[in-house]
Structure formats: structure tokens, C-alpha cells
Amino acid sequence: MKKVLTASVLALVLAGCQTDEKSSEPVEKDEKVSEQKPSEQETKKPEEEKKPETPAEEEKEEAKEEQEKTPPEKEKEESTPEEEKTEKKTTEEQKQEEQKPSSQEPEPKKEEEPQTETPDTKGQAESADLGKGLLVVANKKYALPIGYRPPDLTVPKVRFSYAGTLEQSYLRASAARGLEAMFNAADKDGIELFAVSGFRSGERQKTLYDGYVARDGQKAADTYSARPGHSEHQTGLAMDISARSVGNGLTQALGNTKEGKWIAANAPKYGFILRYGPGMQARTGYMYEPWHIRYVGVGPAQTITNNGQTLEEYLKVGH
């Protein structure tokens, strides 16, 4: 009986071990399931985020996207007037730059001091007498043919305020020789002069005059610029000269420099007169131009200067 009992106990023990082993398997499976659940949930979560939106949500999202796009467009629209303003300003500045007088052309008239009345220029012009040679008069009353061009134009061997050879580099032969002598004498006296503008065709004068009228008006332009055919430059006997001290500009300030004073005192020795002297506007029709010298020959130049005359007064002709 003891053996039977022992065998029964042994059987029960064995049976209990098998039960524990079998019951442990489901527990391990449950643990595996519980471990898998989070990963499955994590896997499903992104899928839920990718879930298609409803039409209402889609419209809301599209509206949001449109709203986000709107500010840059408005900013661009708001900046447009500024851009136009800048562009307009740039255009105006360019226009102003184009209208500024060149350093090689006379400055516009400045109403700093009262000026005497400019002679009437509305009357019928008379033809300039080319037979007078070096004493030909071209002024508000006497006009040259627009196409007139002296036959003996040449380039004087002097310093110019620019490089190269232009139409304005030329003078009639006798005037060119006088200018060379004058510049050489100035150099010996330590005076450095520059030639700026000599011969000027009737066509070129028209372009300049029209530009001055557009800029300053005809009344003002007539005080410092000749109408086409009425310019002394077309005779080939006039030269505008200047100096570094005034930036080689055609300005009344030249008259107060050592170069300007030297020109006024010495030009007659070489056949030139200061054509439009100070205080002579009523007698010449043009404002004071210390840069404008006119060749008439040594004898007439000294007589005109010593007598304080104008060319018109010397020749007893009108202006």
C-alpha cells in the first residue's frame, strides 16, 4: 500500500508539473500580445493621421492655405507704388542730369544783379557782310547763311579742354595763329589756358539754342545764346577759353581769376577782343562773357579795347 501511495503521489506531482508548464505557455502568449499591442497602436496612429479629411475640413485647409498666400501678394501690391515712385524719381534725376549745362557751354543767366534790357530781336535780320573779312559782324541784327562755313578752317596748336578733334576745335587760319601766340605768351607768364569751343556750324547752333530755350525760356536764352545764323562762332573767328581754376567751365567766375584777368589785359596784343565785356549788355545784346574772345586783328583789337568800345561801335553798325 505504501508503494501504491508513493506511485499516486508521484503521478500527482508529475501531473502538477505538466499543468504549470502548460499554464505558463498562455501567460507567455498573453505577455507577447500585450507587448505587441503598443506597437500595433503606434502603427495604426500614423494611419489615422493620414486618414482623408472631410470636404468641410478640406475646404477649411484650402482656405487656410489661401490666407497664408495672401500676405506676400498684398506686400507686393503695396510695394508697387514705392517701386513706381523710385522709378519715377530715377527718371526725373536723369532728366535733370541731361538738362544741366555742359562745362563747355555757357551757364544760364543768373538774376543776381539787375540787367539792362536786351535789345529787341524780333525785327527782320539783315545779311552779314562777309566782304568785311576779319571784321564781319554776326549779331542779333546781322545773320550769316545757316550753311556758311569758312574755307580756311584749321586746328590751332594749343591745349584743349577735351581729347581729340571736334568741329569746335577749328578756327580760321589767321585767328588760329593769333591764338597760338597768345597761349605761348600765357605759358611764359605762368598762365595755363584751355581752348574750349571755336567754330560752330549753323546746324549745331540751332541745336544748342533750341535746348537753351527749352530749359530757360526764349527771353533768358537770348541773353547768352545766339539764334541760328547769328552766332560769332560760325564766323570761325571766335574762341571760348577757360582755365582749371573754374573747371574749364564757361562761367563769369573766370573774370575774377588770374587767368581771366590776364586774358582781358593781354588778348588785344594778339588780335583778340573781349567781345562781350562787363557792363556792355545793352550795347551788345549779350551778358558778360569773360571766356569769349573774338579775333579782329591786332590794330583794331587794341583800338577797340583802349576806347572801351564794342565791335558794333567801332564799325558804327547796329546790334
Protein backbone atom coordinates (compact mmCIF):
# COMPACT_ATOMS: atom_id res chain seq x y z
CA MET A 1 0.00 0.00 0.00
CA LYS A 2 2.92 2.29 0.64
CA LYS A 3 4.13 1.65 -2.87
CA VAL A 4 0.70 2.43 -4.26
CA LEU A 5 0.61 5.68 -2.34
CA THR A 6 4.06 6.64 -3.47
CA ALA A 7 3.14 5.95 -7.07
CA SER A 8 -0.02 8.07 -6.71
CA VAL A 9 1.89 10.96 -5.19
CA LEU A 10 4.46 10.70 -7.91
CA ALA A 11 1.73 10.72 -10.52
CA LEU A 12 0.16 13.79 -8.95
CA VAL A 13 3.49 15.58 -8.81
CA LEU A 14 4.17 14.81 -12.43
CA ALA A 15 0.67 15.94 -13.37
CA GLY A 16 1.17 19.21 -11.47
CA CYS A 17 4.39 19.98 -13.29
CA GLN A 18 2.75 19.40 -16.64
CA THR A 19 -0.12 21.72 -15.62
CA ASP A 20 2.29 24.53 -14.66
CA GLU A 21 4.21 24.17 -17.88
CA LYS A 22 1.00 24.27 -19.93
CA SER A 23 -0.40 27.20 -17.96
CA SER A 24 2.83 29.12 -18.37
CA GLU A 25 2.55 28.99 -22.10
CA PRO A 26 -0.69 31.02 -22.21
CA VAL A 27 0.84 33.55 -19.85
CA GLU A 28 3.83 33.98 -22.12
CA LYS A 29 1.49 34.33 -25.10
CA ASP A 30 -0.53 36.99 -23.22
CA GLU A 31 2.67 38.88 -22.45
CA LYS A 32 3.62 38.74 -26.10
CA VAL A 33 0.21 40.03 -27.04
CA SER A 34 0.45 42.88 -24.56
CA GLU A 35 3.89 43.71 -25.87
CA GLN A 36 2.61 43.76 -29.45
CA LYS A 37 -0.40 45.96 -28.73
CA PRO A 38 1.52 49.24 -28.28
CA SER A 39 3.42 48.71 -31.49
CA GLU A 40 0.21 47.94 -33.31
CA GLN A 41 -1.36 51.08 -31.86
CA GLU A 42 1.64 53.10 -32.88
CA THR A 43 1.38 51.62 -36.34
CA LYS A 44 -2.29 52.47 -36.57
CA LYS A 45 -1.83 56.03 -35.28
CA PRO A 46 0.01 57.37 -38.35
CA GLU A 47 -2.58 55.64 -40.48
CA GLU A 48 -5.27 57.56 -38.61
CA GLU A 49 -3.40 60.83 -39.23
CA LYS A 50 -3.28 60.04 -42.94
CA LYS A 51 -6.99 59.45 -42.90
CA PRO A 52 -8.65 61.51 -45.66
CA GLU A 53 -10.19 64.75 -44.44
CA THR A 54 -13.86 65.51 -44.82
CA PRO A 55 -14.91 68.00 -47.54
CA ALA A 56 -15.50 70.64 -44.89
CA GLU A 57 -12.06 70.10 -43.42
CA GLU A 58 -10.53 70.15 -46.89
CA GLU A 59 -12.21 73.47 -47.62
CA LYS A 60 -11.02 74.83 -44.29
CA GLU A 61 -7.48 73.69 -45.03
CA GLU A 62 -7.59 75.21 -48.53
CA ALA A 63 -8.88 78.48 -47.09
CA LYS A 64 -6.03 78.45 -44.60
CA GLU A 65 -3.50 77.88 -47.37
CA GLU A 66 -5.00 80.73 -49.41
CA GLN A 67 -4.82 83.01 -46.38
CA GLU A 68 -1.16 82.15 -45.93
CA LYS A 69 -0.51 83.00 -49.58
CA THR A 70 -2.32 86.34 -49.40
CA PRO A 71 0.16 88.45 -47.32
CA PRO A 72 3.08 88.18 -49.81
CA GLU A 73 0.75 89.17 -52.64
CA LYS A 74 -0.51 92.19 -50.70
CA GLU A 75 3.01 93.12 -49.74
CA LYS A 76 3.96 93.04 -53.38
CA GLU A 77 0.97 95.19 -54.29
CA GLU A 78 1.80 97.66 -51.54
CA SER A 79 5.43 97.87 -52.66
CA THR A 80 4.46 98.60 -56.24
CA PRO A 81 3.77 102.34 -55.68
CA GLU A 82 7.16 102.64 -53.95
CA GLU A 83 8.84 100.96 -56.90
CA GLU A 84 7.00 103.26 -59.28
CA LYS A 85 7.98 106.24 -57.14
CA THR A 86 11.64 105.17 -57.19
CA GLU A 87 11.49 104.59 -60.93
CA LYS A 88 9.86 108.00 -61.43
CA LYS A 89 12.47 109.64 -59.25
CA THR A 90 15.26 107.98 -61.19
CA THR A 91 13.74 109.18 -64.47
CA GLU A 92 13.43 112.73 -63.14
CA GLU A 93 17.02 112.67 -61.89
CA GLN A 94 18.21 111.52 -65.33
CA LYS A 95 16.19 114.23 -66.96
CA GLN A 96 17.72 116.81 -64.65
CA GLU A 97 21.17 115.49 -65.43
CA GLU A 98 20.50 115.80 -69.14
CA GLN A 99 19.34 119.39 -68.68
CA LYS A 100 22.38 120.51 -66.71
CA PRO A 101 24.61 122.86 -68.74
CA SER A 102 27.80 121.30 -70.02
CA SER A 103 31.08 122.67 -68.69
CA GLN A 104 31.80 123.55 -72.31
CA GLU A 105 28.64 125.62 -72.76
CA PRO A 106 27.66 128.89 -71.08
CA GLU A 107 25.87 128.81 -67.77
CA PRO A 108 22.25 130.04 -67.72
CA LYS A 109 21.66 133.63 -66.78
CA LYS A 110 21.56 134.31 -63.03
CA GLU A 111 19.41 137.17 -61.77
CA GLU A 112 21.89 138.18 -59.04
CA GLU A 113 22.23 141.73 -60.33
CA PRO A 114 19.81 143.90 -62.33
CA GLN A 115 20.50 143.59 -66.04
CA THR A 116 19.83 146.24 -68.63
CA GLU A 117 17.24 145.44 -71.22
CA THR A 118 18.27 143.13 -74.03
CA PRO A 119 17.78 144.68 -77.48
CA ASP A 120 14.71 143.59 -79.40
CA THR A 121 15.40 140.52 -81.53
CA LYS A 122 12.01 140.29 -83.23
CA GLY A 123 12.90 142.58 -86.14
CA GLN A 124 13.89 141.35 -89.59
CA ALA A 125 17.56 140.25 -89.62
CA GLU A 126 19.94 141.65 -92.21
CA SER A 127 22.59 139.62 -94.00
CA ALA A 128 26.07 139.77 -92.51
CA ASP A 129 28.65 141.43 -94.78
CA LEU A 130 31.17 138.67 -95.42
CA GLY A 131 33.13 141.14 -97.54
CA LYS A 132 34.42 142.75 -94.32
CA GLY A 133 36.70 139.75 -93.78
CA LEU A 134 38.07 139.68 -90.24
CA LEU A 135 35.64 142.45 -89.24
CA VAL A 136 32.47 140.65 -90.30
CA VAL A 137 29.66 141.20 -87.81
CA ALA A 138 27.28 138.45 -86.76
CA ASN A 139 24.93 139.58 -84.01
CA LYS A 140 21.23 139.88 -83.25
CA LYS A 141 20.74 142.16 -86.25
CA TYR A 142 23.09 140.58 -88.79
CA ALA A 143 22.90 136.91 -89.72
CA LEU A 144 25.09 134.52 -91.66
CA PRO A 145 23.61 131.94 -94.06
CA ILE A 146 22.84 128.81 -92.00
CA GLY A 147 25.08 126.73 -94.24
CA TYR A 148 28.02 129.15 -94.22
CA ARG A 149 31.40 127.61 -93.43
CA PRO A 150 34.72 129.48 -93.72
CA PRO A 151 37.06 127.92 -96.33
CA ASP A 152 40.29 128.22 -94.31
CA LEU A 153 39.39 126.46 -91.07
CA THR A 154 42.28 124.84 -89.24
CA VAL A 155 43.01 123.43 -85.77
CA PRO A 156 45.27 125.70 -83.68
CA LYS A 157 48.14 124.03 -81.87
CA VAL A 158 47.02 124.82 -78.33
CA ARG A 159 45.70 122.95 -75.28
CA PHE A 160 42.04 121.95 -75.43
CA SER A 161 39.76 121.06 -72.53
CA TYR A 162 38.95 117.72 -74.19
CA ALA A 163 40.73 114.98 -76.11
CA GLY A 164 40.53 114.52 -79.86
CA THR A 165 39.41 116.87 -82.61
CA LEU A 166 35.83 118.10 -82.84
CA GLU A 167 34.02 120.62 -85.03
CA GLN A 168 34.57 123.21 -82.30
CA SER A 169 38.34 122.67 -82.44
CA TYR A 170 38.65 124.75 -85.62
CA LEU A 171 39.35 128.44 -86.28
CA ARG A 172 40.11 130.44 -89.38
CA ALA A 173 43.83 130.34 -90.16
CA SER A 174 44.68 133.90 -89.05
CA ALA A 175 42.73 133.51 -85.79
CA ALA A 176 44.42 130.16 -85.14
CA ARG A 177 47.88 131.72 -85.45
CA GLY A 178 46.88 134.55 -83.11
CA LEU A 179 45.59 132.05 -80.54
CA GLU A 180 48.81 130.04 -80.66
CA ALA A 181 50.85 133.19 -79.99
CA MET A 182 48.56 134.18 -77.15
CA PHE A 183 48.73 130.76 -75.45
CA ASN A 184 52.53 130.71 -75.76
CA ALA A 185 52.76 134.12 -74.10
CA ALA A 186 50.42 133.00 -71.32
CA ASP A 187 52.57 129.94 -70.66
CA LYS A 188 55.65 132.17 -70.26
CA ASP A 189 53.73 134.21 -67.70
CA GLY A 190 52.72 131.07 -65.80
CA ILE A 191 49.12 131.24 -67.02
CA GLU A 192 47.64 127.96 -68.24
CA LEU A 193 44.73 128.40 -70.63
CA PHE A 194 42.50 125.89 -72.39
CA ALA A 195 40.62 126.26 -75.66
CA VAL A 196 37.01 125.10 -75.34
CA SER A 197 34.87 126.00 -78.34
CA GLY A 198 35.72 127.63 -81.68
CA PHE A 199 33.88 127.20 -84.96
CA ARG A 200 30.25 126.15 -84.71
CA SER A 201 28.04 125.36 -87.69
CA GLY A 202 24.60 126.90 -88.11
CA GLU A 203 23.03 123.48 -87.58
CA ARG A 204 24.92 122.96 -84.34
CA GLN A 205 23.96 126.44 -83.14
CA LYS A 206 20.30 125.65 -83.76
CA THR A 207 20.54 122.52 -81.61
CA LEU A 208 22.18 124.44 -78.75
CA TYR A 209 19.83 127.40 -78.93
CA ASP A 210 16.71 125.25 -79.02
CA GLY A 211 17.99 123.36 -75.97
CA TYR A 212 18.56 126.59 -74.01
CA VAL A 213 15.10 127.86 -74.92
CA ALA A 214 13.54 124.61 -73.74
CA ARG A 215 15.48 124.82 -70.47
CA ASP A 216 15.37 128.54 -69.60
CA GLY A 217 12.81 130.09 -71.93
CA GLN A 218 13.49 132.23 -75.01
CA LYS A 219 13.86 135.55 -73.18
CA ALA A 220 16.64 134.21 -70.94
CA ALA A 221 18.28 132.19 -73.73
CA ASP A 222 18.56 135.31 -75.90
CA THR A 223 20.80 136.94 -73.28
CA TYR A 224 23.56 134.36 -73.59
CA SER A 225 22.97 132.27 -76.72
CA ALA A 226 22.73 133.38 -80.35
CA ARG A 227 19.97 132.29 -82.64
CA PRO A 228 20.97 130.11 -85.62
CA GLY A 229 22.94 132.17 -88.13
CA HIS A 230 23.60 134.95 -85.59
CA SER A 231 26.49 133.34 -83.74
CA GLU A 232 30.05 134.69 -83.95
CA HIS A 233 31.28 131.14 -83.63
CA GLN A 234 30.03 130.45 -87.14
CA THR A 235 32.47 133.07 -88.50
CA GLY A 236 35.38 130.90 -87.34
CA LEU A 237 36.86 133.95 -85.61
CA ALA A 238 35.67 133.39 -82.04
CA MET A 239 37.00 131.04 -79.38
CA ASP A 240 35.74 130.27 -75.88
CA ILE A 241 38.65 129.73 -73.49
CA SER A 242 38.86 128.79 -69.82
CA ALA A 243 41.13 127.54 -67.04
CA ARG A 244 41.48 124.77 -64.47
CA SER A 245 40.63 127.23 -61.68
CA VAL A 246 36.98 127.17 -62.83
CA GLY A 247 36.96 123.57 -64.02
CA ASN A 248 37.38 124.74 -67.64
CA GLY A 249 33.78 125.91 -67.47
CA LEU A 250 32.25 128.85 -69.30
CA THR A 251 31.37 130.92 -66.29
CA GLN A 252 31.52 134.57 -65.24
CA ALA A 253 33.68 133.45 -62.32
CA LEU A 254 36.56 133.20 -64.80
CA GLY A 255 36.73 137.01 -64.90
CA ASN A 256 37.82 137.10 -61.25
CA THR A 257 40.66 134.59 -61.64
CA LYS A 258 44.27 135.38 -62.56
CA GLU A 259 43.69 133.64 -65.88
CA GLY A 260 40.61 135.74 -66.65
CA LYS A 261 42.37 138.97 -65.75
CA TRP A 262 45.35 138.01 -67.90
CA ILE A 263 43.07 137.34 -70.88
CA ALA A 264 41.35 140.74 -70.59
CA ALA A 265 44.67 142.58 -70.32
CA ASN A 266 46.66 140.70 -72.97
CA ALA A 267 44.27 139.36 -75.63
CA PRO A 268 44.39 142.58 -77.73
CA LYS A 269 48.15 142.15 -78.22
CA TYR A 270 47.39 139.05 -80.25
CA GLY A 271 44.43 140.42 -82.22
CA PHE A 272 41.55 139.39 -79.89
CA ILE A 273 38.95 141.48 -78.08
CA LEU A 274 36.80 140.54 -75.12
CA ARG A 275 33.67 140.52 -77.25
CA TYR A 276 31.04 140.84 -74.50
CA GLY A 277 32.68 142.89 -71.76
CA PRO A 278 31.28 143.78 -68.33
CA GLY A 279 28.53 146.40 -68.39
CA MET A 280 28.07 146.09 -72.16
CA GLN A 281 24.87 144.07 -72.34
CA ALA A 282 22.76 146.99 -73.61
CA ARG A 283 25.41 147.66 -76.28
CA THR A 284 25.97 144.09 -77.46
CA GLY A 285 22.75 142.28 -76.61
CA TYR A 286 24.55 139.64 -74.54
CA MET A 287 25.54 139.26 -70.91
CA TYR A 288 29.15 139.49 -69.74
CA GLU A 289 31.23 136.60 -71.07
CA PRO A 290 34.87 136.69 -69.90
CA TRP A 291 35.53 133.45 -71.79
CA HIS A 292 34.51 134.65 -75.28
CA ILE A 293 37.27 136.27 -77.35
CA ARG A 294 36.94 137.41 -80.96
CA TYR A 295 39.75 137.83 -83.49
CA VAL A 296 39.71 141.13 -85.42
CA GLY A 297 43.43 141.72 -85.98
CA VAL A 298 45.99 143.39 -83.72
CA GLY A 299 45.35 147.03 -84.78
CA PRO A 300 41.55 147.02 -84.44
CA ALA A 301 41.75 144.94 -81.24
CA GLN A 302 43.96 147.46 -79.46
CA THR A 303 41.88 150.43 -80.64
CA ILE A 304 38.58 148.86 -79.59
CA THR A 305 39.96 147.87 -76.18
CA ASN A 306 41.67 151.19 -75.46
CA ASN A 307 38.49 153.10 -76.35
CA GLY A 308 36.23 150.81 -74.32
CA GLN A 309 34.19 150.11 -77.43
CA THR A 310 32.18 147.22 -78.73
CA LEU A 311 32.78 145.85 -82.23
CA GLU A 312 29.49 147.40 -83.35
CA GLU A 313 30.52 150.83 -82.04
CA TYR A 314 33.89 150.58 -83.73
CA LEU A 315 32.27 149.72 -87.06
CA LYS A 316 29.28 152.02 -86.49
CA VAL A 317 26.71 149.29 -87.12
CA GLY A 318 23.63 148.23 -85.23
CA HIS A 319 23.21 145.31 -82.89
